[in-house]
């Protein structure tokens, strides 16, 4: 697992914020309960809503992070909204490699939503940090702890999956 700080430019972060605001009422959001395998929801009570980003925003994001990621054939870029009680059970991304970019400017560790992985010896965790990318190219098992039911905001991330060359 690799962690990279400050991966997106201010302009792209602003584009992400605008995309979130504009897309909240467009009816194109999917719900994790409908599309995820039950193994990804084990022990998790909340839902995640998700949608693809526009092609323009996808290209801007991929260009901005290109120096951090290995070569790939295809990439899927989605916006995730992690609601109260949401999280994801242990998984390995199924033959793809992926990354998460955090979009909340101030996230309190007490709100949950921590990214946790096993590094071969012990569990490690990362608290969502604004404009930080967690990159998983080794198919390491990982999960996200539940977002607290007392959390005052939705946790937003950009999720990217890459098909290796």
N, C-alpha and C. Protein backbone atom coordinates (compact mmCIF):
# COMPACT_ATOMS: atom_id res chain seq x y z
N UNK A 1 0.85 -1.17 0.00
CA UNK A 1 0.00 0.00 0.00
C UNK A 1 0.90 1.23 0.00
N UNK A 2 0.57 2.19 -0.83
CA UNK A 2 1.32 3.44 -0.88
C UNK A 2 0.37 4.59 -0.54
N UNK A 3 0.88 5.58 0.16
CA UNK A 3 0.10 6.77 0.48
C UNK A 3 0.82 7.98 -0.11
N UNK A 4 0.10 8.75 -0.93
CA UNK A 4 0.65 9.94 -1.58
C UNK A 4 -0.19 11.15 -1.17
N UNK A 5 0.48 12.21 -0.76
CA UNK A 5 -0.21 13.41 -0.29
C UNK A 5 -0.24 14.48 -1.38
N UNK A 6 -1.31 15.28 -1.39
CA UNK A 6 -1.41 16.41 -2.31
C UNK A 6 -1.42 16.00 -3.77
N UNK A 7 -2.24 15.00 -4.14
CA UNK A 7 -2.17 14.43 -5.49
C UNK A 7 -2.94 15.22 -6.55
N UNK A 8 -3.96 15.94 -6.17
CA UNK A 8 -4.75 16.70 -7.14
C UNK A 8 -4.47 18.19 -7.00
N UNK A 9 -4.56 18.89 -8.12
CA UNK A 9 -4.37 20.34 -8.10
C UNK A 9 -5.59 21.00 -7.47
N UNK A 10 -5.44 22.25 -7.05
CA UNK A 10 -6.56 23.00 -6.50
C UNK A 10 -7.70 23.10 -7.51
N UNK A 11 -7.34 23.25 -8.78
CA UNK A 11 -8.35 23.37 -9.83
C UNK A 11 -9.17 22.09 -9.95
N UNK A 12 -8.51 20.94 -9.91
CA UNK A 12 -9.22 19.67 -10.04
C UNK A 12 -10.06 19.41 -8.78
N UNK A 13 -9.53 19.75 -7.62
CA UNK A 13 -10.32 19.62 -6.39
C UNK A 13 -11.58 20.48 -6.47
N UNK A 14 -11.45 21.68 -7.02
CA UNK A 14 -12.61 22.55 -7.20
C UNK A 14 -13.61 21.91 -8.18
N UNK A 15 -13.10 21.32 -9.26
CA UNK A 15 -13.96 20.62 -10.23
C UNK A 15 -14.71 19.47 -9.55
N UNK A 16 -14.03 18.75 -8.66
CA UNK A 16 -14.68 17.66 -7.92
C UNK A 16 -15.80 18.20 -7.04
N UNK A 17 -15.54 19.29 -6.33
CA UNK A 17 -16.56 19.89 -5.47
C UNK A 17 -17.77 20.33 -6.30
N UNK A 18 -17.52 20.95 -7.43
CA UNK A 18 -18.62 21.38 -8.31
C UNK A 18 -19.40 20.18 -8.83
N UNK A 19 -18.68 19.12 -9.20
CA UNK A 19 -19.33 17.91 -9.70
C UNK A 19 -20.25 17.32 -8.63
N UNK A 20 -19.78 17.28 -7.38
CA UNK A 20 -20.60 16.77 -6.29
C UNK A 20 -21.88 17.60 -6.18
N UNK A 21 -21.74 18.91 -6.11
CA UNK A 21 -22.91 19.79 -5.96
C UNK A 21 -23.89 19.64 -7.11
N UNK A 22 -23.39 19.59 -8.34
CA UNK A 22 -24.25 19.52 -9.51
C UNK A 22 -24.92 18.16 -9.67
N UNK A 23 -24.27 17.11 -9.17
CA UNK A 23 -24.77 15.76 -9.42
C UNK A 23 -25.74 15.25 -8.35
N UNK A 24 -25.90 15.98 -7.26
CA UNK A 24 -26.73 15.49 -6.16
C UNK A 24 -28.19 15.27 -6.56
N UNK A 25 -28.64 15.97 -7.57
CA UNK A 25 -30.05 15.85 -7.96
C UNK A 25 -30.26 15.29 -9.35
N UNK A 26 -29.24 14.66 -9.94
CA UNK A 26 -29.39 14.22 -11.33
C UNK A 26 -29.91 12.79 -11.48
N UNK A 27 -30.13 12.07 -10.37
CA UNK A 27 -30.70 10.74 -10.44
C UNK A 27 -29.78 9.67 -10.99
N UNK A 28 -28.49 9.92 -11.03
CA UNK A 28 -27.55 8.95 -11.60
C UNK A 28 -26.70 8.26 -10.53
N UNK A 29 -27.12 8.31 -9.30
CA UNK A 29 -26.38 7.67 -8.22
C UNK A 29 -26.86 6.24 -8.05
N UNK A 30 -25.93 5.32 -7.82
CA UNK A 30 -26.24 3.93 -7.52
C UNK A 30 -26.04 3.69 -6.03
N UNK A 31 -26.59 2.59 -5.53
CA UNK A 31 -26.52 2.28 -4.10
C UNK A 31 -25.81 0.95 -3.91
N UNK A 32 -24.86 0.91 -2.95
CA UNK A 32 -24.07 -0.29 -2.70
C UNK A 32 -24.94 -1.51 -2.41
N UNK A 33 -26.06 -1.34 -1.73
CA UNK A 33 -26.94 -2.47 -1.41
C UNK A 33 -27.44 -3.19 -2.66
N UNK A 34 -27.56 -2.50 -3.77
CA UNK A 34 -28.08 -3.11 -4.99
C UNK A 34 -26.99 -3.77 -5.84
N UNK A 35 -25.75 -3.30 -5.76
CA UNK A 35 -24.74 -3.73 -6.71
C UNK A 35 -23.56 -4.51 -6.12
N UNK A 36 -23.36 -4.42 -4.82
CA UNK A 36 -22.20 -5.07 -4.22
C UNK A 36 -22.51 -6.49 -3.81
N UNK A 37 -21.53 -7.35 -3.96
CA UNK A 37 -21.62 -8.70 -3.43
C UNK A 37 -21.83 -8.62 -1.93
N UNK A 38 -22.59 -9.55 -1.37
CA UNK A 38 -22.88 -9.50 0.07
C UNK A 38 -21.62 -9.59 0.92
N UNK A 39 -20.55 -10.20 0.41
CA UNK A 39 -19.31 -10.31 1.19
C UNK A 39 -18.69 -8.94 1.47
N UNK A 40 -18.98 -7.94 0.64
CA UNK A 40 -18.43 -6.60 0.84
C UNK A 40 -19.21 -5.81 1.90
N UNK A 41 -20.39 -6.32 2.28
CA UNK A 41 -21.25 -5.62 3.23
C UNK A 41 -21.32 -6.31 4.58
N UNK A 42 -20.54 -7.37 4.77
CA UNK A 42 -20.59 -8.13 6.01
C UNK A 42 -20.21 -7.25 7.20
N UNK A 43 -21.09 -7.16 8.19
CA UNK A 43 -20.83 -6.38 9.38
C UNK A 43 -21.00 -4.88 9.20
N UNK A 44 -21.53 -4.46 8.06
CA UNK A 44 -21.69 -3.04 7.75
C UNK A 44 -23.18 -2.74 7.61
N UNK A 45 -23.65 -1.70 8.28
CA UNK A 45 -25.09 -1.42 8.28
C UNK A 45 -25.50 -0.31 7.31
N UNK A 46 -24.60 0.56 6.93
CA UNK A 46 -24.97 1.71 6.10
C UNK A 46 -24.80 1.44 4.61
N UNK A 47 -25.07 2.47 3.84
CA UNK A 47 -24.95 2.36 2.38
C UNK A 47 -23.94 3.38 1.86
N UNK A 48 -23.45 3.09 0.69
CA UNK A 48 -22.60 4.02 -0.05
C UNK A 48 -23.33 4.31 -1.35
N UNK A 49 -23.42 5.58 -1.70
CA UNK A 49 -23.95 5.92 -3.01
C UNK A 49 -22.77 6.27 -3.89
N UNK A 50 -22.88 5.93 -5.16
CA UNK A 50 -21.75 6.11 -6.07
C UNK A 50 -22.24 6.43 -7.46
N UNK A 51 -21.35 7.05 -8.22
CA UNK A 51 -21.65 7.35 -9.62
C UNK A 51 -20.35 7.60 -10.35
N UNK A 52 -20.38 7.37 -11.66
CA UNK A 52 -19.21 7.69 -12.48
C UNK A 52 -19.06 9.19 -12.57
N UNK A 53 -17.82 9.64 -12.66
CA UNK A 53 -17.60 11.07 -12.90
C UNK A 53 -17.71 11.32 -14.39
N UNK A 54 -17.79 12.57 -14.78
CA UNK A 54 -17.85 12.92 -16.20
C UNK A 54 -16.54 12.52 -16.87
N UNK A 55 -16.58 12.30 -18.18
CA UNK A 55 -15.36 11.95 -18.91
C UNK A 55 -14.30 13.04 -18.77
N UNK A 56 -14.74 14.30 -18.78
CA UNK A 56 -13.79 15.41 -18.64
C UNK A 56 -13.07 15.36 -17.29
N UNK A 57 -13.83 15.17 -16.21
CA UNK A 57 -13.23 15.10 -14.88
C UNK A 57 -12.36 13.85 -14.75
N UNK A 58 -12.82 12.74 -15.29
CA UNK A 58 -12.03 11.49 -15.28
C UNK A 58 -10.66 11.73 -15.91
N UNK A 59 -10.63 12.35 -17.07
CA UNK A 59 -9.36 12.60 -17.77
C UNK A 59 -8.45 13.54 -16.99
N UNK A 60 -9.03 14.56 -16.36
CA UNK A 60 -8.23 15.49 -15.54
C UNK A 60 -7.61 14.77 -14.35
N UNK A 61 -8.40 13.93 -13.67
CA UNK A 61 -7.90 13.20 -12.51
C UNK A 61 -6.80 12.22 -12.92
N UNK A 62 -7.05 11.44 -13.97
CA UNK A 62 -6.07 10.45 -14.41
C UNK A 62 -4.76 11.11 -14.84
N UNK A 63 -4.86 12.25 -15.51
CA UNK A 63 -3.64 12.96 -15.91
C UNK A 63 -2.87 13.43 -14.68
N UNK A 64 -3.59 13.92 -13.68
CA UNK A 64 -2.95 14.47 -12.49
C UNK A 64 -2.24 13.40 -11.67
N UNK A 65 -2.77 12.18 -11.63
CA UNK A 65 -2.15 11.12 -10.82
C UNK A 65 -1.26 10.18 -11.64
N UNK A 66 -1.08 10.47 -12.91
CA UNK A 66 -0.37 9.55 -13.81
C UNK A 66 1.05 9.20 -13.34
N UNK A 67 1.72 10.10 -12.66
CA UNK A 67 3.08 9.80 -12.21
C UNK A 67 3.11 8.84 -11.01
N UNK A 68 1.96 8.63 -10.37
CA UNK A 68 1.91 7.78 -9.18
C UNK A 68 1.48 6.35 -9.45
N UNK A 69 0.84 6.10 -10.59
CA UNK A 69 0.25 4.79 -10.84
C UNK A 69 1.01 4.02 -11.92
N UNK A 70 1.07 2.69 -11.78
CA UNK A 70 1.70 1.87 -12.82
C UNK A 70 0.90 1.92 -14.12
N UNK A 71 1.48 1.45 -15.21
CA UNK A 71 0.74 1.41 -16.49
C UNK A 71 -0.56 0.60 -16.36
N UNK A 72 -1.56 0.99 -17.13
CA UNK A 72 -2.85 0.31 -17.09
C UNK A 72 -3.50 0.36 -18.47
N UNK A 73 -4.46 -0.58 -18.69
CA UNK A 73 -5.21 -0.62 -19.95
C UNK A 73 -6.43 0.27 -19.90
N UNK A 74 -7.15 0.18 -18.81
CA UNK A 74 -8.38 0.94 -18.63
C UNK A 74 -8.48 1.42 -17.19
N UNK A 75 -9.24 2.48 -17.00
CA UNK A 75 -9.49 2.98 -15.65
C UNK A 75 -10.96 3.35 -15.52
N UNK A 76 -11.50 3.07 -14.36
CA UNK A 76 -12.86 3.48 -14.02
C UNK A 76 -12.75 4.46 -12.85
N UNK A 77 -13.38 5.63 -12.98
CA UNK A 77 -13.28 6.66 -11.95
C UNK A 77 -14.69 6.98 -11.46
N UNK A 78 -14.88 6.81 -10.15
CA UNK A 78 -16.19 7.04 -9.56
C UNK A 78 -16.09 7.95 -8.35
N UNK A 79 -17.19 8.61 -8.07
CA UNK A 79 -17.35 9.40 -6.86
C UNK A 79 -18.17 8.56 -5.89
N UNK A 80 -17.69 8.42 -4.65
CA UNK A 80 -18.41 7.67 -3.61
C UNK A 80 -18.83 8.65 -2.52
N UNK A 81 -20.06 8.47 -2.04
CA UNK A 81 -20.56 9.20 -0.88
C UNK A 81 -20.81 8.16 0.21
N UNK A 82 -20.01 8.22 1.27
CA UNK A 82 -20.06 7.27 2.37
C UNK A 82 -20.97 7.84 3.45
N UNK A 83 -22.16 7.26 3.59
CA UNK A 83 -23.16 7.74 4.54
C UNK A 83 -22.94 7.13 5.92
N UNK A 84 -23.63 7.66 6.92
CA UNK A 84 -23.52 7.13 8.29
C UNK A 84 -23.72 5.62 8.28
N UNK A 85 -22.85 4.91 9.00
CA UNK A 85 -22.95 3.45 9.09
C UNK A 85 -22.31 2.72 7.93
N UNK A 86 -21.86 3.44 6.91
CA UNK A 86 -21.27 2.76 5.75
C UNK A 86 -19.83 2.36 6.01
N UNK A 87 -19.38 1.42 5.25
CA UNK A 87 -18.02 0.90 5.30
C UNK A 87 -17.92 -0.19 4.27
N UNK A 88 -16.84 -0.93 4.26
CA UNK A 88 -16.70 -2.05 3.33
C UNK A 88 -15.86 -3.13 4.00
N UNK A 89 -16.30 -4.36 3.88
CA UNK A 89 -15.63 -5.50 4.50
C UNK A 89 -14.32 -5.83 3.78
N UNK A 90 -13.55 -6.72 4.38
CA UNK A 90 -12.25 -7.12 3.84
C UNK A 90 -12.39 -7.65 2.42
N UNK A 91 -11.55 -7.13 1.53
CA UNK A 91 -11.54 -7.56 0.12
C UNK A 91 -10.19 -7.23 -0.49
N UNK A 92 -9.96 -7.64 -1.75
CA UNK A 92 -8.66 -7.42 -2.39
C UNK A 92 -8.75 -6.78 -3.78
N UNK A 93 -9.87 -6.25 -4.17
CA UNK A 93 -10.11 -5.57 -5.45
C UNK A 93 -10.12 -6.50 -6.65
N UNK A 94 -10.08 -7.80 -6.45
CA UNK A 94 -10.35 -8.78 -7.50
C UNK A 94 -9.55 -8.68 -8.77
N UNK A 95 -8.24 -8.67 -8.70
CA UNK A 95 -7.39 -8.69 -9.89
C UNK A 95 -7.10 -7.33 -10.50
N UNK A 96 -7.74 -6.30 -10.01
CA UNK A 96 -7.45 -4.94 -10.46
C UNK A 96 -6.59 -4.29 -9.39
N UNK A 97 -6.04 -3.16 -9.71
CA UNK A 97 -5.47 -2.36 -8.64
C UNK A 97 -6.27 -1.08 -8.55
N UNK A 98 -6.26 -0.48 -7.39
CA UNK A 98 -7.13 0.65 -7.19
C UNK A 98 -6.55 1.70 -6.27
N UNK A 99 -7.25 2.82 -6.23
CA UNK A 99 -6.84 3.87 -5.31
C UNK A 99 -8.06 4.66 -4.85
N UNK A 100 -7.86 5.29 -3.73
CA UNK A 100 -8.86 6.16 -3.12
C UNK A 100 -8.24 7.53 -2.92
N UNK A 101 -8.96 8.57 -3.30
CA UNK A 101 -8.53 9.95 -3.04
C UNK A 101 -9.61 10.59 -2.16
N UNK A 102 -9.18 11.13 -1.03
CA UNK A 102 -10.10 11.69 -0.04
C UNK A 102 -10.43 13.15 -0.35
N UNK A 103 -11.72 13.50 -0.26
CA UNK A 103 -12.17 14.83 -0.65
C UNK A 103 -12.68 15.69 0.51
N UNK A 104 -12.85 15.14 1.71
CA UNK A 104 -13.30 15.97 2.85
C UNK A 104 -12.12 16.74 3.41
N UNK A 105 -12.28 18.06 3.53
CA UNK A 105 -11.17 18.90 3.99
C UNK A 105 -10.76 18.62 5.43
N UNK A 106 -11.69 18.36 6.30
CA UNK A 106 -11.37 18.10 7.70
C UNK A 106 -12.13 16.85 8.14
N UNK A 107 -11.40 15.76 8.34
CA UNK A 107 -12.03 14.52 8.79
C UNK A 107 -11.48 14.17 10.17
N UNK A 108 -12.38 13.91 11.10
CA UNK A 108 -12.01 13.58 12.47
C UNK A 108 -11.92 12.05 12.59
N UNK A 109 -10.84 11.55 13.13
CA UNK A 109 -10.63 10.11 13.27
C UNK A 109 -11.77 9.45 14.04
N UNK A 110 -12.42 10.19 14.92
CA UNK A 110 -13.54 9.64 15.69
C UNK A 110 -14.78 9.38 14.85
N UNK A 111 -14.80 9.91 13.63
CA UNK A 111 -15.94 9.69 12.74
C UNK A 111 -15.85 8.36 12.00
N UNK A 112 -14.75 7.60 12.16
CA UNK A 112 -14.60 6.33 11.47
C UNK A 112 -14.21 6.53 10.02
N UNK A 113 -14.56 5.55 9.18
CA UNK A 113 -14.20 5.63 7.76
C UNK A 113 -12.71 5.47 7.53
N UNK A 114 -12.01 4.78 8.43
CA UNK A 114 -10.56 4.58 8.30
C UNK A 114 -10.26 3.50 7.28
N UNK A 115 -9.23 3.71 6.49
CA UNK A 115 -8.77 2.70 5.54
C UNK A 115 -7.78 1.80 6.28
N UNK A 116 -8.04 0.49 6.29
CA UNK A 116 -7.23 -0.46 7.04
C UNK A 116 -6.74 -1.56 6.10
N UNK A 117 -5.47 -1.94 6.24
CA UNK A 117 -4.92 -3.02 5.42
C UNK A 117 -3.95 -3.85 6.25
N UNK A 118 -3.70 -5.04 5.75
CA UNK A 118 -2.74 -5.93 6.40
C UNK A 118 -1.46 -5.89 5.57
N UNK A 119 -0.36 -5.47 6.18
CA UNK A 119 0.91 -5.32 5.44
C UNK A 119 1.76 -6.58 5.42
N UNK A 120 1.18 -7.72 5.80
CA UNK A 120 1.93 -8.97 5.86
C UNK A 120 2.33 -9.34 7.27
N UNK A 121 2.41 -8.35 8.12
CA UNK A 121 2.78 -8.59 9.52
C UNK A 121 1.71 -8.10 10.49
N UNK A 122 1.13 -6.95 10.20
CA UNK A 122 0.16 -6.37 11.12
C UNK A 122 -0.84 -5.51 10.36
N UNK A 123 -1.93 -5.17 11.05
CA UNK A 123 -2.90 -4.25 10.47
C UNK A 123 -2.38 -2.83 10.57
N UNK A 124 -2.59 -2.07 9.51
CA UNK A 124 -2.22 -0.65 9.48
C UNK A 124 -3.46 0.13 9.10
N UNK A 125 -3.52 1.39 9.50
CA UNK A 125 -4.71 2.20 9.21
C UNK A 125 -4.29 3.60 8.77
N UNK A 126 -5.15 4.20 7.95
CA UNK A 126 -4.95 5.58 7.50
C UNK A 126 -6.27 6.32 7.70
N UNK A 127 -6.21 7.44 8.41
CA UNK A 127 -7.38 8.30 8.57
C UNK A 127 -7.53 9.14 7.31
N UNK A 128 -8.74 9.24 6.75
CA UNK A 128 -8.93 10.05 5.55
C UNK A 128 -8.33 11.44 5.72
N UNK A 129 -7.47 11.80 4.79
CA UNK A 129 -6.78 13.08 4.80
C UNK A 129 -7.02 13.75 3.45
N UNK A 130 -7.47 14.98 3.49
CA UNK A 130 -7.84 15.73 2.28
C UNK A 130 -6.75 15.64 1.21
N UNK A 131 -7.17 15.33 -0.01
CA UNK A 131 -6.30 15.30 -1.19
C UNK A 131 -5.15 14.30 -1.05
N UNK A 132 -5.41 13.21 -0.33
CA UNK A 132 -4.44 12.14 -0.18
C UNK A 132 -4.95 10.92 -0.93
N UNK A 133 -4.03 10.18 -1.54
CA UNK A 133 -4.38 8.99 -2.30
C UNK A 133 -3.75 7.77 -1.64
N UNK A 134 -4.57 6.75 -1.44
CA UNK A 134 -4.08 5.45 -1.01
C UNK A 134 -4.12 4.56 -2.24
N UNK A 135 -2.97 3.99 -2.61
CA UNK A 135 -2.83 3.20 -3.82
C UNK A 135 -2.52 1.75 -3.46
N UNK A 136 -3.33 0.84 -3.98
CA UNK A 136 -3.16 -0.59 -3.72
C UNK A 136 -2.84 -1.29 -5.03
N UNK A 137 -1.56 -1.58 -5.27
CA UNK A 137 -1.16 -2.27 -6.51
C UNK A 137 -0.79 -3.72 -6.26
N UNK A 138 -0.83 -4.16 -5.00
CA UNK A 138 -0.38 -5.51 -4.66
C UNK A 138 -1.53 -6.45 -4.30
N UNK A 139 -2.76 -6.04 -4.58
CA UNK A 139 -3.93 -6.84 -4.22
C UNK A 139 -3.95 -7.20 -2.74
N UNK A 140 -3.52 -6.26 -1.91
CA UNK A 140 -3.53 -6.49 -0.47
C UNK A 140 -4.97 -6.45 0.05
N UNK A 141 -5.26 -7.32 1.02
CA UNK A 141 -6.56 -7.26 1.67
C UNK A 141 -6.68 -5.94 2.41
N UNK A 142 -7.87 -5.33 2.32
CA UNK A 142 -8.10 -4.06 2.98
C UNK A 142 -9.60 -3.90 3.23
N UNK A 143 -9.93 -2.93 4.07
CA UNK A 143 -11.33 -2.63 4.35
C UNK A 143 -11.43 -1.19 4.84
N UNK A 144 -12.67 -0.70 4.97
CA UNK A 144 -12.92 0.63 5.50
C UNK A 144 -13.85 0.47 6.69
N UNK A 145 -13.45 1.03 7.84
CA UNK A 145 -14.28 0.95 9.04
C UNK A 145 -15.55 1.77 8.84
N UNK A 146 -16.58 1.39 9.59
CA UNK A 146 -17.85 2.09 9.47
C UNK A 146 -17.73 3.56 9.83
N UNK A 147 -18.43 4.38 9.06
CA UNK A 147 -18.56 5.80 9.39
C UNK A 147 -19.54 5.88 10.56
N UNK A 148 -19.17 6.64 11.58
CA UNK A 148 -19.99 6.75 12.79
C UNK A 148 -21.38 7.29 12.48
N UNK A 149 -22.36 6.76 13.21
CA UNK A 149 -23.72 7.29 13.09
C UNK A 149 -23.83 8.69 13.66
N UNK A 150 -22.81 9.16 14.36
CA UNK A 150 -22.78 10.51 14.91
C UNK A 150 -21.99 11.48 14.03
N UNK A 151 -21.47 10.98 12.92
CA UNK A 151 -20.67 11.83 12.01
C UNK A 151 -21.55 12.93 11.43
N UNK A 152 -21.09 14.18 11.46
CA UNK A 152 -21.92 15.29 11.00
C UNK A 152 -21.92 15.51 9.48
N UNK A 153 -21.15 14.74 8.72
CA UNK A 153 -21.10 14.97 7.28
C UNK A 153 -20.92 13.67 6.51
N UNK A 154 -21.18 13.72 5.23
CA UNK A 154 -20.95 12.59 4.33
C UNK A 154 -19.46 12.56 3.99
N UNK A 155 -18.88 11.38 3.93
CA UNK A 155 -17.46 11.20 3.57
C UNK A 155 -17.41 10.99 2.06
N UNK A 156 -16.70 11.87 1.34
CA UNK A 156 -16.59 11.77 -0.12
C UNK A 156 -15.21 11.28 -0.53
N UNK A 157 -15.19 10.37 -1.52
CA UNK A 157 -13.92 9.90 -2.08
C UNK A 157 -14.05 9.76 -3.59
N UNK A 158 -12.91 9.82 -4.23
CA UNK A 158 -12.81 9.38 -5.63
C UNK A 158 -12.23 7.98 -5.57
N UNK A 159 -12.88 7.03 -6.21
CA UNK A 159 -12.42 5.64 -6.27
C UNK A 159 -12.01 5.36 -7.71
N UNK A 160 -10.83 4.81 -7.88
CA UNK A 160 -10.34 4.51 -9.23
C UNK A 160 -9.87 3.06 -9.26
N UNK A 161 -10.34 2.34 -10.28
CA UNK A 161 -9.87 0.96 -10.49
C UNK A 161 -9.18 0.89 -11.84
N UNK A 162 -8.07 0.21 -11.85
CA UNK A 162 -7.26 0.08 -13.05
C UNK A 162 -7.17 -1.38 -13.46
N UNK A 163 -7.31 -1.64 -14.76
CA UNK A 163 -7.01 -2.98 -15.28
C UNK A 163 -5.54 -2.96 -15.70
N UNK A 164 -4.73 -3.83 -15.11
CA UNK A 164 -3.30 -3.82 -15.43
C UNK A 164 -3.04 -4.14 -16.89
N UNK A 165 -1.89 -3.71 -17.37
CA UNK A 165 -1.47 -3.98 -18.76
C UNK A 165 -1.20 -5.45 -18.91
